[in-house]
N, C-alpha and C. Protein backbone atom coordinates (compact mmCIF):
# COMPACT_ATOMS: atom_id res chain seq x y z
N MET A 1 0.82 -1.20 0.00
CA MET A 1 0.00 0.00 0.00
C MET A 1 0.86 1.25 0.00
N GLU A 2 1.93 1.25 0.77
CA GLU A 2 2.80 2.42 0.84
C GLU A 2 3.43 2.71 -0.52
N VAL A 3 3.85 1.64 -1.22
CA VAL A 3 4.46 1.82 -2.53
C VAL A 3 3.45 2.33 -3.53
N MET A 4 2.23 1.80 -3.47
CA MET A 4 1.21 2.19 -4.44
C MET A 4 0.81 3.64 -4.28
N LYS A 5 0.85 4.15 -3.07
CA LYS A 5 0.39 5.51 -2.81
C LYS A 5 1.43 6.56 -3.17
N ILE A 6 2.63 6.16 -3.50
CA ILE A 6 3.68 7.12 -3.84
C ILE A 6 3.38 7.73 -5.20
N ALA A 7 3.20 9.03 -5.23
CA ALA A 7 3.03 9.80 -6.47
C ALA A 7 1.87 9.32 -7.32
N THR A 8 0.84 8.76 -6.71
CA THR A 8 -0.33 8.36 -7.48
C THR A 8 -1.58 8.50 -6.62
N ASP A 9 -2.64 8.94 -7.24
CA ASP A 9 -3.91 9.05 -6.54
C ASP A 9 -5.03 8.75 -7.52
N PRO A 10 -5.18 7.48 -7.92
CA PRO A 10 -6.22 7.14 -8.90
C PRO A 10 -7.61 7.38 -8.35
N ASP A 11 -8.53 7.69 -9.26
CA ASP A 11 -9.90 7.97 -8.84
C ASP A 11 -10.62 6.71 -8.37
N GLU A 12 -10.38 5.61 -9.06
CA GLU A 12 -11.08 4.38 -8.73
C GLU A 12 -10.08 3.22 -8.62
N TYR A 13 -9.95 2.67 -7.46
CA TYR A 13 -9.14 1.47 -7.29
C TYR A 13 -9.57 0.77 -6.02
N ALA A 14 -9.23 -0.50 -5.94
CA ALA A 14 -9.55 -1.26 -4.73
C ALA A 14 -8.41 -2.22 -4.45
N VAL A 15 -8.13 -2.40 -3.20
CA VAL A 15 -7.11 -3.36 -2.77
C VAL A 15 -7.81 -4.42 -1.92
N TRP A 16 -7.57 -5.68 -2.26
CA TRP A 16 -8.19 -6.79 -1.55
C TRP A 16 -7.09 -7.62 -0.88
N LYS A 17 -7.38 -8.15 0.27
CA LYS A 17 -6.41 -8.98 0.98
C LYS A 17 -7.04 -10.32 1.31
N LEU A 18 -6.21 -11.36 1.25
CA LEU A 18 -6.64 -12.69 1.67
C LEU A 18 -6.37 -12.83 3.16
N ILE A 19 -7.44 -12.93 3.92
CA ILE A 19 -7.34 -12.99 5.38
C ILE A 19 -7.41 -14.45 5.82
N GLU A 20 -6.46 -14.86 6.64
CA GLU A 20 -6.47 -16.21 7.20
C GLU A 20 -6.69 -16.08 8.71
N ALA A 21 -7.91 -16.34 9.12
CA ALA A 21 -8.26 -16.20 10.55
C ALA A 21 -7.80 -17.43 11.32
N GLU A 22 -7.39 -17.21 12.57
CA GLU A 22 -7.00 -18.33 13.42
C GLU A 22 -8.25 -19.07 13.89
N MET A 23 -8.25 -20.38 13.72
CA MET A 23 -9.41 -21.20 14.07
C MET A 23 -9.14 -21.96 15.37
N PRO A 24 -10.17 -22.35 16.04
CA PRO A 24 -9.97 -23.17 17.26
C PRO A 24 -9.34 -24.51 16.92
N PRO A 25 -8.70 -25.17 17.88
CA PRO A 25 -7.98 -26.42 17.62
C PRO A 25 -8.82 -27.49 16.96
N GLU A 26 -10.14 -27.53 17.25
CA GLU A 26 -10.96 -28.59 16.69
C GLU A 26 -11.30 -28.37 15.22
N ALA A 27 -11.01 -27.19 14.68
CA ALA A 27 -11.32 -26.91 13.28
C ALA A 27 -10.38 -27.68 12.36
N ASP A 28 -10.89 -28.11 11.21
CA ASP A 28 -10.10 -28.89 10.27
C ASP A 28 -9.11 -28.03 9.49
N GLU A 29 -9.51 -26.80 9.14
CA GLU A 29 -8.62 -25.95 8.35
C GLU A 29 -8.87 -24.49 8.70
N GLU A 30 -7.95 -23.64 8.24
CA GLU A 30 -8.07 -22.22 8.53
C GLU A 30 -9.23 -21.62 7.75
N ASP A 31 -9.82 -20.59 8.35
CA ASP A 31 -10.89 -19.86 7.67
C ASP A 31 -10.24 -18.80 6.79
N LYS A 32 -10.43 -18.91 5.48
CA LYS A 32 -9.81 -17.97 4.54
C LYS A 32 -10.89 -17.19 3.82
N THR A 33 -10.73 -15.88 3.77
CA THR A 33 -11.69 -15.05 3.04
C THR A 33 -10.98 -13.86 2.43
N ILE A 34 -11.47 -13.38 1.30
CA ILE A 34 -10.93 -12.19 0.65
C ILE A 34 -11.75 -10.99 1.10
N LYS A 35 -11.09 -9.98 1.66
CA LYS A 35 -11.82 -8.82 2.18
C LYS A 35 -11.27 -7.54 1.57
N TYR A 36 -12.18 -6.57 1.45
CA TYR A 36 -11.79 -5.24 0.98
C TYR A 36 -10.84 -4.62 1.99
N HIS A 37 -9.72 -4.06 1.51
CA HIS A 37 -8.70 -3.55 2.42
C HIS A 37 -8.58 -2.03 2.35
N ASP A 38 -8.51 -1.50 1.12
CA ASP A 38 -8.29 -0.06 0.98
C ASP A 38 -8.61 0.34 -0.46
N GLY A 39 -8.74 1.64 -0.67
CA GLY A 39 -8.94 2.15 -2.03
C GLY A 39 -10.29 2.80 -2.20
N HIS A 40 -10.45 3.52 -3.31
CA HIS A 40 -11.69 4.23 -3.62
C HIS A 40 -12.53 3.37 -4.55
N VAL A 41 -13.51 2.68 -3.99
CA VAL A 41 -14.39 1.84 -4.79
C VAL A 41 -15.69 2.61 -5.01
N GLU A 42 -15.94 3.01 -6.26
CA GLU A 42 -17.09 3.86 -6.54
C GLU A 42 -18.41 3.09 -6.48
N ASN A 43 -18.38 1.79 -6.81
CA ASN A 43 -19.61 1.01 -6.82
C ASN A 43 -19.96 0.58 -5.39
N PRO A 44 -21.07 1.08 -4.84
CA PRO A 44 -21.39 0.75 -3.44
C PRO A 44 -21.65 -0.73 -3.21
N ASN A 45 -22.22 -1.43 -4.21
CA ASN A 45 -22.45 -2.86 -4.06
C ASN A 45 -21.14 -3.62 -3.96
N LEU A 46 -20.16 -3.20 -4.79
CA LEU A 46 -18.85 -3.84 -4.75
C LEU A 46 -18.16 -3.56 -3.42
N ARG A 47 -18.28 -2.33 -2.93
CA ARG A 47 -17.66 -2.00 -1.65
C ARG A 47 -18.28 -2.84 -0.52
N ARG A 48 -19.60 -2.95 -0.51
CA ARG A 48 -20.27 -3.72 0.54
C ARG A 48 -19.88 -5.19 0.47
N LEU A 49 -19.79 -5.71 -0.76
CA LEU A 49 -19.40 -7.10 -0.94
C LEU A 49 -18.00 -7.35 -0.41
N GLY A 50 -17.08 -6.42 -0.70
CA GLY A 50 -15.71 -6.57 -0.24
C GLY A 50 -15.58 -6.43 1.26
N GLU A 51 -16.36 -5.52 1.84
CA GLU A 51 -16.29 -5.33 3.28
C GLU A 51 -16.84 -6.54 4.04
N ASP A 52 -17.87 -7.18 3.46
CA ASP A 52 -18.43 -8.37 4.08
C ASP A 52 -17.52 -9.58 3.93
N GLY A 53 -16.69 -9.58 2.86
CA GLY A 53 -15.77 -10.69 2.63
C GLY A 53 -16.29 -11.67 1.60
N ILE A 54 -15.37 -12.27 0.82
CA ILE A 54 -15.70 -13.25 -0.21
C ILE A 54 -14.97 -14.54 0.09
N ASP A 55 -15.67 -15.63 0.11
CA ASP A 55 -15.04 -16.94 0.31
C ASP A 55 -14.46 -17.41 -1.01
N PRO A 56 -13.12 -17.46 -1.16
CA PRO A 56 -12.52 -17.83 -2.44
C PRO A 56 -12.80 -19.27 -2.85
N THR A 57 -13.16 -20.11 -1.90
CA THR A 57 -13.41 -21.52 -2.24
C THR A 57 -14.74 -21.70 -2.97
N LEU A 58 -15.60 -20.66 -2.95
CA LEU A 58 -16.89 -20.76 -3.61
C LEU A 58 -16.84 -20.24 -5.05
N ALA A 59 -15.71 -19.66 -5.46
CA ALA A 59 -15.61 -19.10 -6.81
C ALA A 59 -15.50 -20.21 -7.85
N GLU A 60 -16.12 -19.98 -9.02
CA GLU A 60 -16.04 -20.94 -10.11
C GLU A 60 -14.80 -20.67 -10.95
N ASN A 61 -14.19 -21.72 -11.43
CA ASN A 61 -13.01 -21.60 -12.28
C ASN A 61 -13.42 -21.79 -13.73
N ASP A 62 -13.32 -20.73 -14.54
CA ASP A 62 -13.75 -20.85 -15.94
C ASP A 62 -12.69 -21.53 -16.81
N ASP A 63 -11.49 -21.74 -16.25
CA ASP A 63 -10.43 -22.49 -16.95
C ASP A 63 -9.97 -21.83 -18.24
N ILE A 64 -10.15 -20.51 -18.36
CA ILE A 64 -9.63 -19.78 -19.52
C ILE A 64 -8.18 -19.41 -19.24
N ARG A 65 -7.29 -19.72 -20.18
CA ARG A 65 -5.88 -19.49 -19.96
C ARG A 65 -5.29 -18.42 -20.88
N PHE A 66 -5.90 -18.17 -22.03
CA PHE A 66 -5.29 -17.25 -22.99
C PHE A 66 -6.33 -16.81 -24.01
N HIS A 67 -5.94 -15.85 -24.87
CA HIS A 67 -6.80 -15.41 -25.96
C HIS A 67 -5.96 -15.33 -27.23
N LEU A 68 -6.54 -14.86 -28.32
CA LEU A 68 -5.86 -14.92 -29.62
C LEU A 68 -4.55 -14.14 -29.65
N THR A 69 -4.47 -13.04 -28.93
CA THR A 69 -3.28 -12.19 -28.99
C THR A 69 -2.29 -12.47 -27.86
N SER A 70 -2.51 -13.50 -27.07
CA SER A 70 -1.56 -13.84 -26.01
C SER A 70 -0.20 -14.21 -26.60
N HIS A 71 0.85 -13.95 -25.83
CA HIS A 71 2.19 -14.36 -26.24
C HIS A 71 2.19 -15.87 -26.47
N PRO A 72 2.83 -16.36 -27.54
CA PRO A 72 2.76 -17.79 -27.87
C PRO A 72 3.22 -18.73 -26.77
N VAL A 73 4.06 -18.27 -25.86
CA VAL A 73 4.53 -19.13 -24.77
C VAL A 73 3.36 -19.64 -23.93
N PHE A 74 2.35 -18.80 -23.70
CA PHE A 74 1.25 -19.19 -22.82
C PHE A 74 0.34 -20.25 -23.45
N PRO A 75 -0.19 -20.04 -24.66
CA PRO A 75 -1.02 -21.10 -25.24
C PRO A 75 -0.26 -22.37 -25.52
N LEU A 76 0.99 -22.28 -25.96
CA LEU A 76 1.77 -23.48 -26.24
C LEU A 76 2.00 -24.29 -24.97
N GLY A 77 2.35 -23.62 -23.88
CA GLY A 77 2.57 -24.32 -22.62
C GLY A 77 1.30 -25.01 -22.14
N GLU A 78 0.18 -24.30 -22.19
CA GLU A 78 -1.09 -24.86 -21.73
C GLU A 78 -1.54 -26.03 -22.60
N VAL A 79 -1.50 -25.85 -23.92
CA VAL A 79 -2.02 -26.88 -24.82
C VAL A 79 -1.14 -28.13 -24.79
N LEU A 80 0.18 -27.96 -24.83
CA LEU A 80 1.07 -29.13 -24.83
C LEU A 80 0.94 -29.91 -23.52
N LEU A 81 0.81 -29.19 -22.41
CA LEU A 81 0.63 -29.86 -21.12
C LEU A 81 -0.67 -30.65 -21.12
N GLN A 82 -1.75 -30.03 -21.59
CA GLN A 82 -3.05 -30.70 -21.59
C GLN A 82 -3.05 -31.91 -22.51
N LEU A 83 -2.39 -31.80 -23.65
CA LEU A 83 -2.31 -32.94 -24.58
C LEU A 83 -1.61 -34.12 -23.92
N TYR A 84 -0.51 -33.85 -23.22
CA TYR A 84 0.21 -34.94 -22.55
C TYR A 84 -0.64 -35.57 -21.45
N LEU A 85 -1.30 -34.72 -20.66
CA LEU A 85 -2.15 -35.24 -19.57
C LEU A 85 -3.30 -36.08 -20.13
N ASN A 86 -3.86 -35.64 -21.27
CA ASN A 86 -4.95 -36.39 -21.89
C ASN A 86 -4.49 -37.77 -22.36
N ASN A 87 -3.23 -37.85 -22.79
CA ASN A 87 -2.71 -39.10 -23.36
C ASN A 87 -2.14 -40.06 -22.33
N MET A 88 -1.83 -39.57 -21.15
CA MET A 88 -1.19 -40.42 -20.14
C MET A 88 -2.08 -41.61 -19.81
N GLY A 89 -1.50 -42.79 -19.91
CA GLY A 89 -2.20 -44.01 -19.55
C GLY A 89 -3.14 -44.54 -20.61
N SER A 90 -3.34 -43.78 -21.70
CA SER A 90 -4.29 -44.24 -22.72
C SER A 90 -3.61 -44.58 -24.05
N VAL A 91 -2.39 -44.10 -24.27
CA VAL A 91 -1.67 -44.42 -25.52
C VAL A 91 -0.23 -44.79 -25.17
N ASP A 92 0.42 -45.48 -26.11
CA ASP A 92 1.80 -45.92 -25.88
C ASP A 92 2.78 -44.75 -25.89
N GLU A 93 2.48 -43.73 -26.68
CA GLU A 93 3.37 -42.57 -26.81
C GLU A 93 2.63 -41.31 -26.36
N PRO A 94 2.54 -41.05 -25.06
CA PRO A 94 1.75 -39.90 -24.58
C PRO A 94 2.31 -38.54 -24.99
N LYS A 95 3.57 -38.49 -25.40
CA LYS A 95 4.15 -37.22 -25.84
C LYS A 95 3.78 -36.88 -27.28
N GLU A 96 3.16 -37.81 -27.97
CA GLU A 96 2.79 -37.57 -29.36
C GLU A 96 1.32 -37.18 -29.47
N PHE A 97 1.01 -36.37 -30.48
CA PHE A 97 -0.37 -35.92 -30.66
C PHE A 97 -0.63 -35.63 -32.14
N ARG A 98 -1.89 -35.61 -32.49
CA ARG A 98 -2.30 -35.27 -33.85
C ARG A 98 -2.69 -33.80 -33.91
N LYS A 99 -2.63 -33.24 -35.11
CA LYS A 99 -2.94 -31.82 -35.25
C LYS A 99 -4.36 -31.52 -34.80
N ARG A 100 -5.31 -32.40 -35.12
CA ARG A 100 -6.70 -32.15 -34.73
C ARG A 100 -6.86 -32.13 -33.21
N GLU A 101 -6.01 -32.89 -32.49
CA GLU A 101 -6.05 -32.87 -31.04
C GLU A 101 -5.55 -31.53 -30.51
N PHE A 102 -4.51 -31.00 -31.16
CA PHE A 102 -4.00 -29.67 -30.80
C PHE A 102 -5.08 -28.63 -31.02
N GLU A 103 -5.75 -28.69 -32.17
CA GLU A 103 -6.81 -27.74 -32.50
C GLU A 103 -7.94 -27.80 -31.47
N ARG A 104 -8.37 -29.00 -31.14
CA ARG A 104 -9.49 -29.18 -30.21
C ARG A 104 -9.13 -28.63 -28.82
N THR A 105 -7.93 -28.92 -28.36
CA THR A 105 -7.51 -28.46 -27.05
C THR A 105 -7.35 -26.95 -27.02
N PHE A 106 -6.76 -26.38 -28.07
CA PHE A 106 -6.60 -24.93 -28.15
C PHE A 106 -7.97 -24.23 -28.08
N LYS A 107 -8.92 -24.72 -28.85
CA LYS A 107 -10.24 -24.09 -28.90
C LYS A 107 -11.01 -24.27 -27.60
N SER A 108 -10.70 -25.30 -26.83
CA SER A 108 -11.41 -25.52 -25.58
C SER A 108 -10.95 -24.58 -24.48
N LYS A 109 -9.77 -23.97 -24.64
CA LYS A 109 -9.22 -23.14 -23.58
C LYS A 109 -9.17 -21.66 -23.93
N ILE A 110 -9.32 -21.31 -25.20
CA ILE A 110 -9.17 -19.92 -25.60
C ILE A 110 -10.44 -19.13 -25.33
N HIS A 111 -10.28 -17.85 -24.98
CA HIS A 111 -11.42 -16.96 -24.78
C HIS A 111 -11.67 -16.20 -26.08
N LEU A 112 -12.84 -16.41 -26.68
CA LEU A 112 -13.17 -15.78 -27.95
C LEU A 112 -14.26 -14.73 -27.82
N GLY A 113 -14.81 -14.55 -26.65
CA GLY A 113 -15.88 -13.58 -26.49
C GLY A 113 -17.21 -14.15 -26.96
N THR A 114 -18.21 -13.26 -27.07
CA THR A 114 -19.55 -13.72 -27.43
C THR A 114 -19.79 -13.74 -28.94
N ASN A 115 -19.07 -12.92 -29.69
CA ASN A 115 -19.26 -12.86 -31.14
C ASN A 115 -18.29 -13.82 -31.81
N ARG A 116 -18.79 -14.99 -32.21
CA ARG A 116 -17.92 -16.02 -32.78
C ARG A 116 -18.08 -16.16 -34.29
N ARG A 117 -18.86 -15.26 -34.91
CA ARG A 117 -19.03 -15.35 -36.35
C ARG A 117 -17.71 -15.03 -37.06
N ASN A 118 -17.41 -15.79 -38.08
CA ASN A 118 -16.20 -15.59 -38.89
C ASN A 118 -14.90 -15.72 -38.10
N ILE A 119 -14.96 -16.36 -36.91
CA ILE A 119 -13.76 -16.46 -36.08
C ILE A 119 -12.95 -17.72 -36.39
N ASP A 120 -13.60 -18.74 -36.99
CA ASP A 120 -12.91 -20.01 -37.22
C ASP A 120 -11.66 -19.84 -38.07
N ARG A 121 -11.75 -19.02 -39.10
CA ARG A 121 -10.59 -18.82 -39.98
C ARG A 121 -9.43 -18.19 -39.23
N VAL A 122 -9.73 -17.23 -38.37
CA VAL A 122 -8.70 -16.56 -37.59
C VAL A 122 -8.07 -17.53 -36.60
N VAL A 123 -8.90 -18.34 -35.94
CA VAL A 123 -8.40 -19.32 -34.97
C VAL A 123 -7.53 -20.36 -35.66
N ASP A 124 -7.97 -20.85 -36.82
CA ASP A 124 -7.19 -21.84 -37.56
C ASP A 124 -5.83 -21.27 -37.97
N SER A 125 -5.81 -20.01 -38.37
CA SER A 125 -4.56 -19.36 -38.73
C SER A 125 -3.62 -19.25 -37.53
N ARG A 126 -4.19 -18.92 -36.37
CA ARG A 126 -3.39 -18.81 -35.16
C ARG A 126 -2.82 -20.17 -34.76
N ILE A 127 -3.60 -21.21 -34.91
CA ILE A 127 -3.13 -22.57 -34.59
C ILE A 127 -1.94 -22.93 -35.47
N ASP A 128 -2.03 -22.62 -36.77
CA ASP A 128 -0.91 -22.90 -37.68
C ASP A 128 0.33 -22.11 -37.27
N GLU A 129 0.15 -20.87 -36.84
CA GLU A 129 1.28 -20.04 -36.39
C GLU A 129 1.94 -20.66 -35.16
N LEU A 130 1.12 -21.10 -34.21
CA LEU A 130 1.66 -21.68 -32.98
C LEU A 130 2.43 -22.97 -33.25
N LEU A 131 1.90 -23.81 -34.12
CA LEU A 131 2.60 -25.05 -34.46
C LEU A 131 3.92 -24.75 -35.16
N GLU A 132 3.93 -23.74 -36.01
CA GLU A 132 5.17 -23.37 -36.70
C GLU A 132 6.21 -22.84 -35.71
N ILE A 133 5.76 -22.03 -34.75
CA ILE A 133 6.68 -21.52 -33.71
C ILE A 133 7.23 -22.68 -32.90
N ALA A 134 6.36 -23.59 -32.50
CA ALA A 134 6.79 -24.74 -31.70
C ALA A 134 7.81 -25.59 -32.45
N LEU A 135 7.62 -25.76 -33.76
CA LEU A 135 8.58 -26.51 -34.58
C LEU A 135 9.90 -25.76 -34.71
N ASN A 136 9.82 -24.47 -34.98
CA ASN A 136 11.03 -23.67 -35.20
C ASN A 136 11.90 -23.59 -33.95
N TYR A 137 11.28 -23.60 -32.78
CA TYR A 137 12.04 -23.48 -31.54
C TYR A 137 12.32 -24.82 -30.88
N GLY A 138 11.98 -25.90 -31.56
CA GLY A 138 12.32 -27.23 -31.05
C GLY A 138 11.45 -27.72 -29.91
N MET A 139 10.28 -27.10 -29.70
CA MET A 139 9.38 -27.57 -28.65
C MET A 139 8.70 -28.87 -29.05
N ILE A 140 8.49 -29.04 -30.36
CA ILE A 140 7.90 -30.25 -30.90
C ILE A 140 8.66 -30.65 -32.16
N LYS A 141 8.50 -31.90 -32.57
CA LYS A 141 9.01 -32.39 -33.85
C LYS A 141 7.83 -32.92 -34.65
N ASP A 142 7.92 -32.83 -35.98
CA ASP A 142 6.81 -33.34 -36.79
C ASP A 142 7.12 -34.74 -37.29
N SER A 143 6.22 -35.30 -38.08
CA SER A 143 6.31 -36.70 -38.49
C SER A 143 7.50 -36.99 -39.40
N ASP A 144 8.16 -35.95 -39.90
CA ASP A 144 9.35 -36.16 -40.72
C ASP A 144 10.56 -36.57 -39.89
N ALA A 145 10.51 -36.31 -38.59
CA ALA A 145 11.63 -36.63 -37.71
C ALA A 145 11.56 -38.09 -37.26
N ASP A 146 12.74 -38.66 -37.00
CA ASP A 146 12.82 -40.06 -36.60
C ASP A 146 12.19 -40.33 -35.25
N VAL A 147 12.11 -39.30 -34.40
CA VAL A 147 11.62 -39.52 -33.03
C VAL A 147 10.10 -39.69 -32.98
N VAL A 148 9.39 -39.25 -34.02
CA VAL A 148 7.93 -39.36 -34.04
C VAL A 148 7.55 -40.73 -34.58
N LYS A 149 6.87 -41.52 -33.77
CA LYS A 149 6.61 -42.91 -34.14
C LYS A 149 5.21 -43.15 -34.70
N GLU A 150 4.19 -42.50 -34.12
CA GLU A 150 2.83 -42.87 -34.47
C GLU A 150 1.95 -41.71 -34.96
N ARG A 151 2.20 -40.47 -34.49
CA ARG A 151 1.27 -39.38 -34.78
C ARG A 151 1.94 -38.24 -35.54
N ASP A 152 1.28 -37.08 -35.57
CA ASP A 152 1.78 -35.95 -36.37
C ASP A 152 2.95 -35.24 -35.72
N PHE A 153 2.92 -35.11 -34.39
CA PHE A 153 3.94 -34.34 -33.67
C PHE A 153 4.32 -35.04 -32.37
N ARG A 154 5.51 -34.66 -31.85
CA ARG A 154 5.97 -35.18 -30.56
C ARG A 154 6.49 -34.02 -29.73
N ILE A 155 6.07 -33.97 -28.46
CA ILE A 155 6.57 -32.94 -27.54
C ILE A 155 8.00 -33.29 -27.16
N MET A 156 8.90 -32.32 -27.30
CA MET A 156 10.33 -32.59 -27.12
C MET A 156 10.82 -32.07 -25.77
N TRP A 157 10.53 -32.84 -24.72
CA TRP A 157 11.13 -32.55 -23.42
C TRP A 157 11.51 -33.88 -22.81
N GLU A 158 12.63 -33.89 -22.11
CA GLU A 158 13.26 -35.14 -21.68
C GLU A 158 12.63 -35.74 -20.43
N SER A 159 12.07 -34.90 -19.57
CA SER A 159 11.56 -35.37 -18.29
C SER A 159 10.24 -36.12 -18.46
N GLU A 160 9.87 -36.88 -17.46
CA GLU A 160 8.56 -37.51 -17.43
C GLU A 160 7.61 -36.75 -16.51
N ASP A 161 8.06 -35.62 -15.97
CA ASP A 161 7.25 -34.81 -15.08
C ASP A 161 6.44 -33.81 -15.90
N PRO A 162 5.11 -33.94 -15.96
CA PRO A 162 4.30 -33.02 -16.77
C PRO A 162 4.47 -31.57 -16.38
N GLY A 163 4.75 -31.33 -15.10
CA GLY A 163 4.90 -29.95 -14.64
C GLY A 163 6.03 -29.20 -15.30
N GLU A 164 6.95 -29.92 -15.94
CA GLU A 164 8.10 -29.27 -16.56
C GLU A 164 7.85 -28.89 -18.02
N ILE A 165 6.69 -29.24 -18.57
CA ILE A 165 6.42 -28.93 -19.98
C ILE A 165 6.38 -27.42 -20.20
N LYS A 166 5.70 -26.70 -19.33
CA LYS A 166 5.63 -25.25 -19.49
C LYS A 166 7.01 -24.61 -19.38
N ASP A 167 7.83 -25.12 -18.47
CA ASP A 167 9.19 -24.60 -18.34
C ASP A 167 9.99 -24.87 -19.61
N MET A 168 9.80 -26.05 -20.20
CA MET A 168 10.48 -26.39 -21.44
C MET A 168 10.10 -25.42 -22.55
N VAL A 169 8.81 -25.09 -22.66
CA VAL A 169 8.35 -24.16 -23.69
C VAL A 169 9.02 -22.80 -23.52
N LYS A 170 9.02 -22.30 -22.28
CA LYS A 170 9.64 -20.99 -22.02
C LYS A 170 11.14 -21.02 -22.30
N ASP A 171 11.81 -22.06 -21.82
CA ASP A 171 13.27 -22.15 -21.99
C ASP A 171 13.64 -22.21 -23.47
N LYS A 172 12.95 -23.05 -24.23
CA LYS A 172 13.29 -23.18 -25.65
C LYS A 172 12.99 -21.89 -26.41
N PHE A 173 11.90 -21.22 -26.05
CA PHE A 173 11.57 -19.98 -26.75
C PHE A 173 12.62 -18.91 -26.50
N PHE A 174 12.95 -18.69 -25.24
CA PHE A 174 13.89 -17.61 -24.92
C PHE A 174 15.32 -17.98 -25.28
N ASP A 175 15.68 -19.26 -25.22
CA ASP A 175 17.00 -19.66 -25.70
C ASP A 175 17.10 -19.42 -27.20
N GLY A 176 16.01 -19.67 -27.93
CA GLY A 176 16.01 -19.44 -29.37
C GLY A 176 16.01 -17.98 -29.73
N MET A 177 15.45 -17.15 -28.85
CA MET A 177 15.38 -15.72 -29.12
C MET A 177 16.74 -15.05 -29.02
N VAL A 178 17.64 -15.60 -28.22
CA VAL A 178 18.94 -14.95 -28.00
C VAL A 178 19.72 -14.81 -29.30
N PRO A 179 19.99 -15.90 -30.06
CA PRO A 179 20.72 -15.72 -31.31
C PRO A 179 19.93 -14.90 -32.33
N GLU A 180 18.60 -15.01 -32.30
CA GLU A 180 17.79 -14.25 -33.24
C GLU A 180 17.93 -12.75 -32.98
N GLU A 181 17.83 -12.37 -31.71
CA GLU A 181 17.96 -10.96 -31.36
C GLU A 181 19.38 -10.46 -31.57
N THR A 182 20.37 -11.34 -31.31
CA THR A 182 21.76 -10.97 -31.55
C THR A 182 21.99 -10.69 -33.02
N GLY A 183 21.40 -11.54 -33.88
CA GLY A 183 21.53 -11.33 -35.32
C GLY A 183 20.88 -10.03 -35.76
N LYS A 184 19.72 -9.72 -35.22
CA LYS A 184 19.04 -8.46 -35.56
C LYS A 184 19.89 -7.27 -35.14
N LEU A 185 20.48 -7.35 -33.94
CA LEU A 185 21.30 -6.26 -33.44
C LEU A 185 22.54 -6.07 -34.29
N ALA A 186 23.17 -7.20 -34.68
CA ALA A 186 24.36 -7.11 -35.53
C ALA A 186 24.02 -6.49 -36.89
N TYR A 187 22.89 -6.87 -37.45
CA TYR A 187 22.46 -6.31 -38.73
C TYR A 187 22.21 -4.81 -38.60
N GLN A 188 21.54 -4.41 -37.52
CA GLN A 188 21.24 -3.00 -37.32
C GLN A 188 22.51 -2.18 -37.19
N ARG A 189 23.48 -2.72 -36.45
CA ARG A 189 24.75 -2.00 -36.28
C ARG A 189 25.49 -1.89 -37.60
N ALA A 190 25.51 -2.99 -38.38
CA ALA A 190 26.19 -2.96 -39.67
C ALA A 190 25.52 -1.96 -40.62
N ARG A 191 24.20 -1.92 -40.58
CA ARG A 191 23.45 -1.00 -41.43
C ARG A 191 23.75 0.45 -41.05
N GLU A 192 23.75 0.73 -39.73
CA GLU A 192 24.04 2.09 -39.28
C GLU A 192 25.46 2.50 -39.65
N GLU A 193 26.40 1.55 -39.56
CA GLU A 193 27.79 1.85 -39.93
C GLU A 193 27.90 2.13 -41.42
N PHE A 194 27.17 1.35 -42.24
CA PHE A 194 27.19 1.56 -43.69
C PHE A 194 26.62 2.93 -44.04
N VAL A 195 25.48 3.29 -43.42
CA VAL A 195 24.86 4.58 -43.68
C VAL A 195 25.79 5.71 -43.27
N ARG A 196 26.49 5.54 -42.15
CA ARG A 196 27.41 6.57 -41.67
C ARG A 196 28.55 6.78 -42.65
N LYS A 197 29.11 5.67 -43.16
CA LYS A 197 30.21 5.78 -44.13
C LYS A 197 29.74 6.38 -45.44
N GLU A 198 28.54 5.99 -45.88
CA GLU A 198 27.99 6.57 -47.11
C GLU A 198 27.81 8.07 -46.96
N SER A 199 27.34 8.50 -45.80
CA SER A 199 27.12 9.92 -45.56
C SER A 199 28.43 10.68 -45.57
N SER A 200 29.48 10.06 -45.01
CA SER A 200 30.78 10.74 -44.98
C SER A 200 31.38 10.83 -46.38
N LEU A 201 31.12 9.86 -47.25
CA LEU A 201 31.63 9.91 -48.63
C LEU A 201 30.91 10.96 -49.44
N ASP A 202 29.67 11.24 -49.13
CA ASP A 202 28.89 12.25 -49.85
C ASP A 202 29.50 13.63 -49.70
N GLU A 203 30.25 13.84 -48.62
CA GLU A 203 30.86 15.15 -48.39
C GLU A 203 31.92 15.48 -49.45
N PHE A 204 32.48 14.43 -50.10
CA PHE A 204 33.54 14.66 -51.09
C PHE A 204 32.99 14.83 -52.49
N ASP A 205 31.67 14.75 -52.69
CA ASP A 205 31.11 14.88 -54.03
C ASP A 205 31.33 16.25 -54.61
N ASP A 206 31.35 17.30 -53.79
CA ASP A 206 31.55 18.65 -54.26
C ASP A 206 33.01 18.87 -54.66
């Protein structure tokens, strides 16, 4: 709160805190509730709700993880993890998946809003982009590779711990970005140097 109040005075904001009340010894677990803590809440119903407290265990989870413009790391991590979890115990190669399975899983988790007309083409294009990124950064291999035995693609991470799939996606993406960004920087510097030399030669034209 002290940091937030430095040099700022927004008209409408609210700060909520998760309160863990001490329970008597016979209680099974701590009483946890989210309560309004501070801030200017213009909506009186929202203020009253926050002051009374909200039980976080009663909230519904809509399971939405990303939308069309999310950074590719987020949808790729979510979809690849879900594909592996779906395949565990049901197929011989749980790290492998078909493109239609990727499409189905992506569409089940993405937030598209209420207007879904003409959205299928955009979603299909985004799916193709994500698969291409995953291939380019080594997150998956396609059926042309020797490691893929039965399906269209294989998730390329060495561990058997599903929790590490998201870390693999992030690591491979950012490891791949380093040489790419280095190359862009080198090109930019070479271009600036060339323009500078060209400009200095122009001075001798007269």
